[in-house]
């Protein structure tokens, strides 16, 4: 399958507005600490949730949206050994880091620059989509959920973690790290929007009530015109 080498020009123009990472966030995303957090905390929680559902993604087709520096690519490629692994990120620098990691490790993974609100991949292609703390950067996160639903196969899984409005408000007040106001949500709102986008929540885990892990199953294909 031919993958896009870059995102369309209309999305390029929005990068600075929607994904201008705060320098503290960028440093964290490429740090060894983030790699350890992903491998021994974030991914372990998802493994436990999958185990509790008696579900195995070994040999499946996997998409990772917002792949960052590629820590997820490295860990999940080894663990799941997917038949196909595609990853994308809106940030050119992060795409370059992920591509370099794929090349140096010899991983069978395709990485490209892409927009989570307009995923240029076929409908109903993937068994599972992983999204790690991406949506709070995206003011059109509801559209992103609908796009994720579109590219998932029927009964495909969305594995997503996010931070809620309370955490984002704290970061803004005390760390001066800003995110779109429209991308701040309570867990009640987030659950409701998952349902509107066509997902049934199979498992949920809240860490300190501010970091949420969700496993959702695609139950229908929604049109982004349903966004509310």
N, C-alpha and C. Protein backbone atom coordinates (compact mmCIF):
# COMPACT_ATOMS: atom_id res chain seq x y z
N UNK A 1 0.84 -1.19 0.00
CA UNK A 1 0.00 0.00 0.00
C UNK A 1 0.87 1.24 0.00
N UNK A 2 0.56 2.23 -0.84
CA UNK A 2 1.30 3.48 -0.88
C UNK A 2 0.87 4.36 0.28
N UNK A 3 1.85 4.85 1.04
CA UNK A 3 1.57 5.74 2.15
C UNK A 3 1.87 7.17 1.74
N UNK A 4 1.14 8.14 2.33
CA UNK A 4 1.46 9.54 2.03
C UNK A 4 2.83 9.90 2.60
N UNK A 5 3.63 10.61 1.83
CA UNK A 5 4.94 11.03 2.32
C UNK A 5 4.82 12.25 3.23
N UNK A 6 3.78 13.02 3.05
CA UNK A 6 3.54 14.18 3.90
C UNK A 6 2.06 14.47 3.90
N UNK A 7 1.65 15.36 4.78
CA UNK A 7 0.24 15.69 4.86
C UNK A 7 -0.10 16.79 3.88
N UNK A 8 -1.38 16.92 3.50
CA UNK A 8 -1.78 17.95 2.54
C UNK A 8 -1.44 19.35 3.02
N UNK A 9 -1.34 20.29 2.08
CA UNK A 9 -0.89 21.64 2.40
C UNK A 9 -1.81 22.33 3.39
N UNK A 10 -3.12 22.06 3.33
CA UNK A 10 -4.02 22.73 4.26
C UNK A 10 -3.74 22.33 5.70
N UNK A 11 -3.28 21.09 5.91
CA UNK A 11 -2.93 20.65 7.25
C UNK A 11 -1.58 21.21 7.67
N UNK A 12 -0.66 21.34 6.72
CA UNK A 12 0.65 21.92 7.01
C UNK A 12 0.48 23.30 7.64
N UNK A 13 -0.45 24.08 7.12
CA UNK A 13 -0.64 25.44 7.61
C UNK A 13 -1.13 25.47 9.05
N UNK A 14 -1.72 24.37 9.50
CA UNK A 14 -2.29 24.35 10.84
C UNK A 14 -1.32 23.79 11.88
N UNK A 15 -0.17 23.29 11.44
CA UNK A 15 0.75 22.67 12.37
C UNK A 15 1.17 23.64 13.46
N UNK A 16 1.55 24.85 13.06
CA UNK A 16 2.00 25.81 14.06
C UNK A 16 0.92 26.18 15.05
N UNK A 17 -0.33 26.15 14.60
CA UNK A 17 -1.44 26.51 15.47
C UNK A 17 -1.85 25.38 16.39
N UNK A 18 -1.73 24.16 15.91
CA UNK A 18 -2.29 23.04 16.66
C UNK A 18 -1.25 22.15 17.32
N UNK A 19 0.01 22.26 16.91
CA UNK A 19 0.97 21.32 17.45
C UNK A 19 2.32 21.98 17.71
N UNK A 20 2.28 23.18 18.23
CA UNK A 20 3.50 23.88 18.62
C UNK A 20 3.83 23.44 20.04
N UNK A 21 4.60 22.37 20.16
CA UNK A 21 4.87 21.79 21.46
C UNK A 21 5.60 22.76 22.37
N UNK A 22 5.16 22.84 23.61
CA UNK A 22 5.90 23.57 24.62
C UNK A 22 7.26 22.89 24.79
N UNK A 23 8.31 23.69 25.01
CA UNK A 23 9.66 23.10 25.05
C UNK A 23 9.79 22.06 26.15
N UNK A 24 9.05 22.22 27.26
CA UNK A 24 9.11 21.22 28.33
C UNK A 24 8.50 19.90 27.87
N UNK A 25 7.39 19.99 27.15
CA UNK A 25 6.76 18.78 26.63
C UNK A 25 7.65 18.08 25.61
N UNK A 26 8.26 18.87 24.74
CA UNK A 26 9.11 18.28 23.72
C UNK A 26 10.31 17.57 24.34
N UNK A 27 10.90 18.20 25.36
CA UNK A 27 12.03 17.57 26.03
C UNK A 27 11.61 16.26 26.69
N UNK A 28 10.42 16.25 27.29
CA UNK A 28 9.93 15.03 27.93
C UNK A 28 9.68 13.94 26.89
N UNK A 29 9.11 14.31 25.76
CA UNK A 29 8.74 13.31 24.74
C UNK A 29 9.95 12.59 24.15
N UNK A 30 11.11 13.24 24.16
CA UNK A 30 12.30 12.61 23.58
C UNK A 30 13.28 12.13 24.64
N UNK A 31 12.86 12.19 25.90
CA UNK A 31 13.76 11.85 27.00
C UNK A 31 13.75 10.36 27.33
N UNK A 32 14.83 9.85 27.94
CA UNK A 32 14.84 8.47 28.42
C UNK A 32 13.74 8.20 29.44
N UNK A 33 13.35 9.24 30.20
CA UNK A 33 12.28 9.07 31.18
C UNK A 33 10.98 8.70 30.49
N UNK A 34 10.68 9.35 29.37
CA UNK A 34 9.46 9.04 28.63
C UNK A 34 9.49 7.60 28.14
N UNK A 35 10.64 7.15 27.68
CA UNK A 35 10.77 5.77 27.21
C UNK A 35 10.47 4.79 28.33
N UNK A 36 11.01 5.06 29.52
CA UNK A 36 10.76 4.19 30.67
C UNK A 36 9.30 4.24 31.09
N UNK A 37 8.72 5.45 31.10
CA UNK A 37 7.31 5.60 31.47
C UNK A 37 6.41 4.81 30.52
N UNK A 38 6.74 4.88 29.23
CA UNK A 38 5.91 4.17 28.26
C UNK A 38 6.01 2.66 28.47
N UNK A 39 7.24 2.16 28.55
CA UNK A 39 7.45 0.72 28.60
C UNK A 39 6.96 0.10 29.90
N UNK A 40 7.21 0.75 31.02
CA UNK A 40 6.93 0.13 32.31
C UNK A 40 5.67 0.65 33.00
N UNK A 41 5.01 1.63 32.40
CA UNK A 41 3.79 2.15 33.01
C UNK A 41 2.64 2.15 32.00
N UNK A 42 2.70 3.02 31.00
CA UNK A 42 1.58 3.15 30.06
C UNK A 42 1.27 1.85 29.34
N UNK A 43 2.27 1.25 28.73
CA UNK A 43 2.02 0.04 27.95
C UNK A 43 1.63 -1.13 28.84
N UNK A 44 2.19 -1.20 30.03
CA UNK A 44 1.83 -2.29 30.95
C UNK A 44 0.36 -2.23 31.32
N UNK A 45 -0.16 -1.03 31.50
CA UNK A 45 -1.58 -0.90 31.84
C UNK A 45 -2.44 -1.42 30.69
N UNK A 46 -2.09 -1.06 29.47
CA UNK A 46 -2.87 -1.55 28.33
C UNK A 46 -2.74 -3.07 28.18
N UNK A 47 -1.57 -3.61 28.46
CA UNK A 47 -1.42 -5.07 28.40
C UNK A 47 -2.34 -5.75 29.41
N UNK A 48 -2.42 -5.17 30.60
CA UNK A 48 -3.30 -5.76 31.63
C UNK A 48 -4.77 -5.65 31.23
N UNK A 49 -5.14 -4.53 30.65
CA UNK A 49 -6.53 -4.37 30.21
C UNK A 49 -6.87 -5.37 29.10
N UNK A 50 -5.95 -5.55 28.16
CA UNK A 50 -6.18 -6.54 27.11
C UNK A 50 -6.26 -7.95 27.68
N UNK A 51 -5.39 -8.24 28.65
CA UNK A 51 -5.39 -9.56 29.28
C UNK A 51 -6.72 -9.81 29.99
N UNK A 52 -7.24 -8.77 30.64
CA UNK A 52 -8.52 -8.92 31.35
C UNK A 52 -9.67 -9.19 30.40
N UNK A 53 -9.50 -8.77 29.14
CA UNK A 53 -10.51 -9.01 28.11
C UNK A 53 -10.25 -10.29 27.32
N UNK A 54 -9.16 -10.97 27.66
CA UNK A 54 -8.74 -12.18 26.93
C UNK A 54 -8.55 -11.87 25.45
N UNK A 55 -7.92 -10.73 25.18
CA UNK A 55 -7.68 -10.30 23.81
C UNK A 55 -6.18 -10.25 23.53
N UNK A 56 -5.80 -10.65 22.33
CA UNK A 56 -4.40 -10.70 21.93
C UNK A 56 -4.26 -10.03 20.57
N UNK A 57 -3.36 -9.06 20.47
CA UNK A 57 -3.15 -8.35 19.21
C UNK A 57 -1.96 -8.88 18.43
N UNK A 58 -1.46 -10.03 18.82
CA UNK A 58 -0.31 -10.61 18.13
C UNK A 58 -0.66 -10.88 16.66
N UNK A 59 0.19 -10.39 15.77
CA UNK A 59 -0.02 -10.63 14.34
C UNK A 59 -1.11 -9.81 13.70
N UNK A 60 -1.64 -8.81 14.41
CA UNK A 60 -2.73 -8.00 13.86
C UNK A 60 -2.18 -6.77 13.12
N UNK A 61 -3.09 -6.03 12.51
CA UNK A 61 -2.73 -4.78 11.83
C UNK A 61 -2.96 -3.63 12.81
N UNK A 62 -1.88 -2.88 13.07
CA UNK A 62 -1.90 -1.86 14.11
C UNK A 62 -1.55 -0.50 13.53
N UNK A 63 -2.28 0.52 13.99
CA UNK A 63 -1.99 1.91 13.66
C UNK A 63 -1.71 2.66 14.95
N UNK A 64 -0.67 3.47 14.96
CA UNK A 64 -0.39 4.35 16.10
C UNK A 64 -0.46 5.79 15.63
N UNK A 65 -1.37 6.56 16.22
CA UNK A 65 -1.50 7.97 15.89
C UNK A 65 -0.79 8.83 16.90
N UNK A 66 0.06 9.74 16.42
CA UNK A 66 0.85 10.56 17.33
C UNK A 66 1.99 9.77 17.93
N UNK A 67 2.84 9.23 17.08
CA UNK A 67 3.87 8.27 17.54
C UNK A 67 5.05 8.92 18.24
N UNK A 68 5.15 10.25 18.18
CA UNK A 68 6.22 10.93 18.90
C UNK A 68 7.60 10.46 18.48
N UNK A 69 8.46 10.22 19.48
CA UNK A 69 9.85 9.83 19.21
C UNK A 69 10.01 8.36 18.86
N UNK A 70 8.90 7.61 18.85
CA UNK A 70 8.96 6.22 18.40
C UNK A 70 9.13 5.19 19.49
N UNK A 71 8.94 5.58 20.75
CA UNK A 71 9.08 4.61 21.84
C UNK A 71 8.01 3.53 21.76
N UNK A 72 6.79 3.93 21.38
CA UNK A 72 5.73 2.95 21.22
C UNK A 72 6.01 1.98 20.08
N UNK A 73 6.56 2.50 19.00
CA UNK A 73 6.91 1.66 17.86
C UNK A 73 7.85 0.55 18.28
N UNK A 74 8.88 0.92 19.03
CA UNK A 74 9.89 -0.05 19.44
C UNK A 74 9.30 -1.13 20.35
N UNK A 75 8.54 -0.71 21.35
CA UNK A 75 8.00 -1.64 22.33
C UNK A 75 6.90 -2.52 21.74
N UNK A 76 5.96 -1.91 21.02
CA UNK A 76 4.81 -2.67 20.54
C UNK A 76 5.15 -3.56 19.35
N UNK A 77 6.14 -3.16 18.55
CA UNK A 77 6.58 -4.04 17.46
C UNK A 77 7.13 -5.34 18.01
N UNK A 78 7.91 -5.23 19.07
CA UNK A 78 8.50 -6.43 19.68
C UNK A 78 7.44 -7.28 20.36
N UNK A 79 6.52 -6.62 21.06
CA UNK A 79 5.55 -7.37 21.86
C UNK A 79 4.48 -8.03 21.00
N UNK A 80 3.90 -7.29 20.06
CA UNK A 80 2.78 -7.81 19.27
C UNK A 80 3.21 -8.50 17.98
N UNK A 81 4.39 -8.15 17.47
CA UNK A 81 4.83 -8.67 16.18
C UNK A 81 3.69 -8.59 15.16
N UNK A 82 3.19 -7.39 14.93
CA UNK A 82 2.02 -7.23 14.06
C UNK A 82 2.31 -7.60 12.61
N UNK A 83 1.27 -7.99 11.90
CA UNK A 83 1.42 -8.27 10.47
C UNK A 83 1.66 -6.98 9.71
N UNK A 84 1.17 -5.88 10.26
CA UNK A 84 1.43 -4.56 9.68
C UNK A 84 1.37 -3.52 10.79
N UNK A 85 2.32 -2.61 10.78
CA UNK A 85 2.37 -1.54 11.78
C UNK A 85 2.62 -0.23 11.02
N UNK A 86 1.68 0.68 11.15
CA UNK A 86 1.81 2.00 10.54
C UNK A 86 1.70 3.03 11.65
N UNK A 87 2.53 4.05 11.60
CA UNK A 87 2.52 5.10 12.62
C UNK A 87 2.65 6.46 11.94
N UNK A 88 2.05 7.47 12.57
CA UNK A 88 2.18 8.82 12.02
C UNK A 88 2.20 9.84 13.15
N UNK A 89 2.68 11.02 12.82
CA UNK A 89 2.69 12.14 13.76
C UNK A 89 2.58 13.42 12.95
N UNK A 90 2.02 14.45 13.56
CA UNK A 90 1.87 15.73 12.88
C UNK A 90 3.18 16.52 12.88
N UNK A 91 4.02 16.28 13.86
CA UNK A 91 5.26 17.02 14.05
C UNK A 91 6.38 16.41 13.21
N UNK A 92 6.94 17.20 12.30
CA UNK A 92 7.98 16.69 11.40
C UNK A 92 9.19 16.16 12.15
N UNK A 93 9.57 16.87 13.22
CA UNK A 93 10.73 16.44 13.99
C UNK A 93 10.53 15.08 14.62
N UNK A 94 9.32 14.84 15.14
CA UNK A 94 9.03 13.56 15.75
C UNK A 94 8.98 12.45 14.70
N UNK A 95 8.45 12.76 13.53
CA UNK A 95 8.43 11.78 12.44
C UNK A 95 9.85 11.37 12.08
N UNK A 96 10.73 12.35 11.99
CA UNK A 96 12.13 12.06 11.65
C UNK A 96 12.77 11.17 12.70
N UNK A 97 12.49 11.43 13.97
CA UNK A 97 13.04 10.60 15.04
C UNK A 97 12.51 9.17 14.95
N UNK A 98 11.21 9.04 14.72
CA UNK A 98 10.62 7.70 14.61
C UNK A 98 11.17 6.95 13.41
N UNK A 99 11.31 7.63 12.30
CA UNK A 99 11.84 6.99 11.10
C UNK A 99 13.28 6.54 11.32
N UNK A 100 14.06 7.36 12.02
CA UNK A 100 15.45 6.99 12.32
C UNK A 100 15.51 5.77 13.21
N UNK A 101 14.58 5.71 14.17
CA UNK A 101 14.54 4.55 15.08
C UNK A 101 14.17 3.28 14.31
N UNK A 102 13.17 3.39 13.44
CA UNK A 102 12.76 2.24 12.63
C UNK A 102 13.93 1.73 11.78
N UNK A 103 14.66 2.66 11.19
CA UNK A 103 15.78 2.28 10.33
C UNK A 103 16.91 1.64 11.14
N UNK A 104 17.24 2.24 12.29
CA UNK A 104 18.36 1.72 13.08
C UNK A 104 18.06 0.36 13.70
N UNK A 105 16.78 0.13 14.03
CA UNK A 105 16.37 -1.13 14.65
C UNK A 105 15.97 -2.18 13.62
N UNK A 106 15.85 -1.77 12.37
CA UNK A 106 15.42 -2.70 11.33
C UNK A 106 13.99 -3.17 11.52
N UNK A 107 13.11 -2.27 11.96
CA UNK A 107 11.73 -2.64 12.25
C UNK A 107 10.86 -2.54 11.00
N UNK A 108 9.95 -3.49 10.79
CA UNK A 108 9.05 -3.45 9.63
C UNK A 108 7.86 -2.53 9.87
N UNK A 109 8.14 -1.25 10.03
CA UNK A 109 7.12 -0.26 10.37
C UNK A 109 7.18 0.90 9.38
N UNK A 110 6.02 1.34 8.93
CA UNK A 110 5.93 2.51 8.06
C UNK A 110 5.54 3.73 8.88
N UNK A 111 6.31 4.80 8.76
CA UNK A 111 6.06 6.03 9.51
C UNK A 111 5.93 7.19 8.53
N UNK A 112 4.89 8.01 8.71
CA UNK A 112 4.72 9.18 7.85
C UNK A 112 4.15 10.34 8.65
N UNK A 113 4.24 11.52 8.07
CA UNK A 113 3.66 12.70 8.70
C UNK A 113 2.18 12.75 8.36
N UNK A 114 1.34 12.81 9.38
CA UNK A 114 -0.09 12.78 9.14
C UNK A 114 -0.88 13.51 10.19
N UNK A 115 -2.13 13.77 9.88
CA UNK A 115 -3.05 14.55 10.70
C UNK A 115 -4.12 13.61 11.26
N UNK A 116 -4.27 13.58 12.56
CA UNK A 116 -5.21 12.65 13.18
C UNK A 116 -6.66 13.01 12.88
N UNK A 117 -6.91 14.23 12.42
CA UNK A 117 -8.27 14.62 12.04
C UNK A 117 -8.58 14.31 10.58
N UNK A 118 -7.58 13.87 9.84
CA UNK A 118 -7.76 13.51 8.42
C UNK A 118 -6.73 12.44 8.08
N UNK A 119 -7.01 11.22 8.50
CA UNK A 119 -6.07 10.12 8.34
C UNK A 119 -6.16 9.59 6.91
N UNK A 120 -5.10 9.77 6.15
CA UNK A 120 -5.13 9.39 4.73
C UNK A 120 -4.76 7.92 4.55
N UNK A 121 -5.64 7.08 5.10
CA UNK A 121 -5.51 5.63 5.01
C UNK A 121 -6.89 5.04 4.76
N UNK A 122 -6.98 3.83 4.20
CA UNK A 122 -8.27 3.25 3.85
C UNK A 122 -9.17 3.00 5.06
N UNK A 123 -10.46 3.00 4.82
CA UNK A 123 -11.44 2.69 5.86
C UNK A 123 -11.37 1.21 6.23
N UNK A 124 -11.69 0.92 7.48
CA UNK A 124 -11.80 -0.45 8.00
C UNK A 124 -10.56 -1.28 7.70
N UNK A 125 -9.40 -0.72 7.95
CA UNK A 125 -8.13 -1.39 7.64
C UNK A 125 -7.48 -2.03 8.86
N UNK A 126 -7.65 -1.44 10.06
CA UNK A 126 -6.84 -1.84 11.21
C UNK A 126 -7.64 -2.62 12.26
N UNK A 127 -6.94 -3.55 12.90
CA UNK A 127 -7.53 -4.29 14.02
C UNK A 127 -7.48 -3.48 15.30
N UNK A 128 -6.48 -2.61 15.43
CA UNK A 128 -6.33 -1.81 16.64
C UNK A 128 -5.65 -0.49 16.32
N UNK A 129 -6.08 0.56 17.01
CA UNK A 129 -5.44 1.87 16.92
C UNK A 129 -5.03 2.30 18.32
N UNK A 130 -3.77 2.67 18.47
CA UNK A 130 -3.24 3.17 19.73
C UNK A 130 -3.04 4.68 19.64
N UNK A 131 -3.52 5.39 20.67
CA UNK A 131 -3.34 6.84 20.76
C UNK A 131 -2.87 7.15 22.18
N UNK A 132 -1.65 7.65 22.30
CA UNK A 132 -1.08 7.93 23.62
C UNK A 132 -1.00 9.44 23.85
N UNK A 133 -1.86 9.94 24.73
CA UNK A 133 -1.90 11.36 25.16
C UNK A 133 -1.68 12.32 24.00
N UNK A 134 -2.56 12.25 23.03
CA UNK A 134 -2.49 13.10 21.84
C UNK A 134 -3.64 14.10 21.78
N UNK A 135 -4.85 13.67 22.15
CA UNK A 135 -6.04 14.47 21.87
C UNK A 135 -6.08 15.80 22.59
N UNK A 136 -5.38 15.94 23.73
CA UNK A 136 -5.42 17.22 24.43
C UNK A 136 -4.65 18.31 23.69
N UNK A 137 -3.93 17.93 22.63
CA UNK A 137 -3.28 18.90 21.75
C UNK A 137 -4.20 19.34 20.60
N UNK A 138 -5.29 18.62 20.40
CA UNK A 138 -6.10 18.76 19.19
C UNK A 138 -7.46 19.37 19.50
N UNK A 139 -7.67 20.59 19.01
CA UNK A 139 -8.95 21.26 19.29
C UNK A 139 -10.12 20.54 18.62
N UNK A 140 -9.85 19.85 17.52
CA UNK A 140 -10.90 19.08 16.83
C UNK A 140 -10.84 17.60 17.19
N UNK A 141 -10.69 17.32 18.46
CA UNK A 141 -10.48 15.94 18.91
C UNK A 141 -11.69 15.05 18.65
N UNK A 142 -12.86 15.63 18.60
CA UNK A 142 -14.05 14.82 18.28
C UNK A 142 -13.98 14.29 16.85
N UNK A 143 -13.50 15.13 15.94
CA UNK A 143 -13.31 14.70 14.55
C UNK A 143 -12.27 13.58 14.51
N UNK A 144 -11.23 13.72 15.32
CA UNK A 144 -10.19 12.69 15.38
C UNK A 144 -10.77 11.34 15.80
N UNK A 145 -11.66 11.34 16.78
CA UNK A 145 -12.29 10.09 17.21
C UNK A 145 -13.08 9.45 16.08
N UNK A 146 -13.78 10.26 15.30
CA UNK A 146 -14.54 9.74 14.16
C UNK A 146 -13.62 9.17 13.08
N UNK A 147 -12.48 9.82 12.87
CA UNK A 147 -11.51 9.32 11.89
C UNK A 147 -10.92 7.99 12.35
N UNK A 148 -10.64 7.88 13.62
CA UNK A 148 -10.12 6.62 14.16
C UNK A 148 -11.14 5.51 13.95
N UNK A 149 -12.40 5.83 14.22
CA UNK A 149 -13.46 4.85 14.00
C UNK A 149 -13.51 4.41 12.54
N UNK A 150 -13.33 5.35 11.64
CA UNK A 150 -13.40 5.05 10.20
C UNK A 150 -12.35 4.04 9.77
N UNK A 151 -11.12 4.17 10.27
CA UNK A 151 -10.03 3.30 9.80
C UNK A 151 -9.99 1.96 10.53
N UNK A 152 -10.81 1.81 11.57
CA UNK A 152 -10.86 0.53 12.29
C UNK A 152 -11.80 -0.45 11.60
N UNK A 153 -11.42 -1.72 11.64
CA UNK A 153 -12.31 -2.78 11.18
C UNK A 153 -13.51 -2.88 12.13
N UNK A 154 -14.62 -3.46 11.69
CA UNK A 154 -15.72 -3.72 12.62
C UNK A 154 -15.23 -4.51 13.83
N UNK A 155 -15.61 -4.08 15.00
CA UNK A 155 -15.17 -4.67 16.27
C UNK A 155 -13.68 -4.44 16.55
N UNK A 156 -13.06 -3.54 15.78
CA UNK A 156 -11.67 -3.19 16.06
C UNK A 156 -11.55 -2.43 17.37
N UNK A 157 -10.33 -2.37 17.89
CA UNK A 157 -10.10 -1.78 19.21
C UNK A 157 -9.41 -0.42 19.13
N UNK A 158 -9.90 0.51 19.93
CA UNK A 158 -9.21 1.76 20.18
C UNK A 158 -8.62 1.69 21.58
N UNK A 159 -7.31 1.84 21.68
CA UNK A 159 -6.63 1.86 22.97
C UNK A 159 -6.03 3.25 23.14
N UNK A 160 -6.60 4.02 24.06
CA UNK A 160 -6.26 5.43 24.16
C UNK A 160 -6.09 5.85 25.61
N UNK A 161 -5.08 6.67 25.87
CA UNK A 161 -4.98 7.28 27.18
C UNK A 161 -4.92 8.79 27.03
N UNK A 162 -5.43 9.49 28.04
CA UNK A 162 -5.51 10.94 27.99
C UNK A 162 -5.47 11.52 29.40
N UNK A 163 -5.23 12.83 29.46
CA UNK A 163 -5.32 13.56 30.72
C UNK A 163 -6.54 14.47 30.64
N UNK A 164 -7.16 14.70 31.79
CA UNK A 164 -8.42 15.44 31.79
C UNK A 164 -8.21 16.94 32.00
N UNK A 165 -9.32 17.67 32.05
CA UNK A 165 -9.25 19.12 32.14
C UNK A 165 -8.58 19.59 33.42
N UNK A 166 -8.77 18.88 34.52
CA UNK A 166 -8.16 19.29 35.78
C UNK A 166 -6.64 19.32 35.67
N UNK A 167 -6.07 18.30 35.05
CA UNK A 167 -4.62 18.25 34.86
C UNK A 167 -4.14 19.37 33.95
N UNK A 168 -4.85 19.59 32.86
CA UNK A 168 -4.44 20.63 31.91
C UNK A 168 -4.54 22.01 32.52
N UNK A 169 -5.56 22.24 33.32
CA UNK A 169 -5.69 23.53 34.01
C UNK A 169 -4.54 23.73 34.99
N UNK A 170 -4.14 22.65 35.67
CA UNK A 170 -3.01 22.72 36.60
C UNK A 170 -1.72 23.06 35.86
N UNK A 171 -1.48 22.38 34.72
CA UNK A 171 -0.26 22.65 33.94
C UNK A 171 -0.23 24.10 33.46
N UNK A 172 -1.39 24.62 33.09
CA UNK A 172 -1.42 26.01 32.62
C UNK A 172 -1.13 26.98 33.75
N UNK A 173 -1.73 26.73 34.91
CA UNK A 173 -1.58 27.66 36.02
C UNK A 173 -0.18 27.64 36.63
N UNK A 174 0.39 26.45 36.80
CA UNK A 174 1.63 26.33 37.55
C UNK A 174 2.87 26.10 36.69
N UNK A 175 2.71 25.50 35.52
CA UNK A 175 3.87 25.23 34.66
C UNK A 175 3.88 26.09 33.41
N UNK A 176 2.81 26.87 33.21
CA UNK A 176 2.68 27.74 32.04
C UNK A 176 2.77 26.95 30.73
N UNK A 177 2.21 25.75 30.76
CA UNK A 177 2.12 24.91 29.57
C UNK A 177 0.66 24.97 29.09
N UNK A 178 0.46 25.46 27.89
CA UNK A 178 -0.89 25.75 27.41
C UNK A 178 -1.35 24.75 26.35
N UNK A 179 -2.63 24.44 26.42
CA UNK A 179 -3.27 23.56 25.44
C UNK A 179 -4.61 24.18 25.05
N UNK A 180 -5.17 23.79 23.90
CA UNK A 180 -6.43 24.38 23.47
C UNK A 180 -7.53 24.20 24.51
N UNK A 181 -8.26 25.28 24.76
CA UNK A 181 -9.37 25.20 25.72
C UNK A 181 -10.40 24.17 25.28
N UNK A 182 -10.61 24.06 23.97
CA UNK A 182 -11.62 23.14 23.46
C UNK A 182 -11.20 21.68 23.56
N UNK A 183 -9.91 21.45 23.89
CA UNK A 183 -9.42 20.07 24.02
C UNK A 183 -9.32 19.65 25.48
N UNK A 184 -10.02 20.35 26.34
CA UNK A 184 -10.03 19.99 27.76
C UNK A 184 -11.41 19.42 28.10
N UNK A 185 -11.42 18.25 28.70
CA UNK A 185 -12.69 17.58 28.93
C UNK A 185 -12.67 16.84 30.26
N UNK A 186 -13.86 16.67 30.80
CA UNK A 186 -14.03 15.79 31.96
C UNK A 186 -14.12 14.36 31.44
N UNK A 187 -13.98 13.41 32.34
CA UNK A 187 -14.11 12.01 31.91
C UNK A 187 -15.54 11.72 31.45
N UNK A 188 -16.52 12.35 32.05
CA UNK A 188 -17.90 12.14 31.61
C UNK A 188 -18.07 12.58 30.16
N UNK A 189 -17.54 13.76 29.83
CA UNK A 189 -17.61 14.24 28.45
C UNK A 189 -16.86 13.31 27.51
N UNK A 190 -15.68 12.87 27.92
CA UNK A 190 -14.88 12.00 27.07
C UNK A 190 -15.60 10.68 26.79
N UNK A 191 -16.20 10.10 27.81
CA UNK A 191 -16.95 8.86 27.61
C UNK A 191 -18.12 9.07 26.64
N UNK A 192 -18.82 10.18 26.82
CA UNK A 192 -19.95 10.48 25.95
C UNK A 192 -19.51 10.64 24.49
N UNK A 193 -18.37 11.30 24.29
CA UNK A 193 -17.89 11.53 22.92
C UNK A 193 -17.37 10.24 22.29
N UNK A 194 -16.80 9.36 23.09
CA UNK A 194 -16.42 8.05 22.56
C UNK A 194 -17.65 7.31 22.04
N UNK A 195 -18.73 7.37 22.81
CA UNK A 195 -19.97 6.71 22.39
C UNK A 195 -20.53 7.34 21.11
N UNK A 196 -20.51 8.67 21.04
CA UNK A 196 -21.01 9.36 19.84
C UNK A 196 -20.19 9.01 18.61
N UNK A 197 -18.90 8.77 18.81
CA UNK A 197 -18.02 8.43 17.69
C UNK A 197 -18.15 6.97 17.27
N UNK A 198 -18.94 6.19 18.02
CA UNK A 198 -19.18 4.81 17.63
C UNK A 198 -18.38 3.77 18.38
N UNK A 199 -18.01 4.09 19.64
CA UNK A 199 -17.23 3.15 20.44
C UNK A 199 -17.99 2.73 21.70
N UNK A 200 -17.84 1.47 22.02
CA UNK A 200 -18.31 0.94 23.30
C UNK A 200 -17.10 0.74 24.19
N UNK A 201 -17.10 1.31 25.38
CA UNK A 201 -15.95 1.19 26.29
C UNK A 201 -15.97 -0.19 26.95
N UNK A 202 -14.94 -0.97 26.68
CA UNK A 202 -14.83 -2.32 27.25
C UNK A 202 -14.11 -2.31 28.59
N UNK A 203 -13.10 -1.49 28.70
CA UNK A 203 -12.33 -1.38 29.94
C UNK A 203 -11.88 0.06 30.14
N UNK A 204 -11.73 0.43 31.41
CA UNK A 204 -11.31 1.79 31.76
C UNK A 204 -10.50 1.74 33.05
N UNK A 205 -9.43 2.51 33.08
CA UNK A 205 -8.62 2.61 34.30
C UNK A 205 -8.19 4.06 34.47
N UNK A 206 -8.48 4.63 35.64
CA UNK A 206 -8.09 6.00 35.94
C UNK A 206 -6.97 5.99 36.96
N UNK A 207 -5.84 6.60 36.59
CA UNK A 207 -4.70 6.71 37.48
C UNK A 207 -4.75 8.07 38.16
N UNK A 208 -4.93 8.07 39.48
CA UNK A 208 -5.05 9.30 40.27
C UNK A 208 -6.16 10.21 39.75
N UNK A 209 -7.13 9.62 39.07
CA UNK A 209 -8.32 10.31 38.54
C UNK A 209 -8.02 11.29 37.41
N UNK A 210 -6.74 11.49 37.07
CA UNK A 210 -6.39 12.50 36.08
C UNK A 210 -5.82 11.94 34.78
N UNK A 211 -5.32 10.72 34.81
CA UNK A 211 -4.80 10.06 33.61
C UNK A 211 -5.66 8.83 33.35
N UNK A 212 -6.37 8.85 32.23
CA UNK A 212 -7.31 7.78 31.94
C UNK A 212 -6.85 6.87 30.83
N UNK A 213 -7.07 5.57 31.01
CA UNK A 213 -6.77 4.55 30.01
C UNK A 213 -8.08 3.90 29.60
N UNK A 214 -8.36 3.86 28.30
CA UNK A 214 -9.62 3.33 27.82
C UNK A 214 -9.38 2.33 26.69
N UNK A 215 -10.13 1.24 26.71
CA UNK A 215 -10.17 0.30 25.60
C UNK A 215 -11.59 0.33 25.05
N UNK A 216 -11.72 0.79 23.82
CA UNK A 216 -13.03 0.89 23.19
C UNK A 216 -13.14 -0.03 21.99
N UNK A 217 -14.34 -0.51 21.74
CA UNK A 217 -14.60 -1.39 20.59
C UNK A 217 -15.48 -0.64 19.59
N UNK A 218 -15.10 -0.70 18.33
CA UNK A 218 -15.90 -0.05 17.29
C UNK A 218 -17.23 -0.78 17.12
N UNK A 219 -18.30 -0.03 17.28
CA UNK A 219 -19.62 -0.64 17.13
C UNK A 219 -20.35 -0.11 15.90
N UNK A 220 -19.89 1.02 15.36
CA UNK A 220 -20.52 1.56 14.16
C UNK A 220 -19.58 2.58 13.55
N UNK A 221 -19.81 2.86 12.27
CA UNK A 221 -19.06 3.90 11.59
C UNK A 221 -19.85 5.19 11.66
N UNK A 222 -19.22 6.21 12.22
CA UNK A 222 -19.90 7.49 12.38
C UNK A 222 -19.41 8.50 11.35
N UNK A 223 -20.28 9.40 11.02
CA UNK A 223 -19.91 10.48 10.11
C UNK A 223 -19.47 11.68 10.92
N UNK A 224 -18.42 12.35 10.49
CA UNK A 224 -17.91 13.47 11.28
C UNK A 224 -18.91 14.62 11.33
N UNK A 225 -19.95 14.59 10.52
CA UNK A 225 -20.97 15.62 10.61
C UNK A 225 -21.77 15.48 11.89
N UNK A 226 -21.62 14.33 12.59
CA UNK A 226 -22.32 14.13 13.86
C UNK A 226 -21.64 14.84 15.00
N UNK A 227 -20.49 15.45 14.73
CA UNK A 227 -19.73 16.10 15.79
C UNK A 227 -20.61 17.12 16.50
N UNK A 228 -20.48 17.17 17.81
CA UNK A 228 -21.26 18.12 18.59
C UNK A 228 -20.39 18.83 19.58
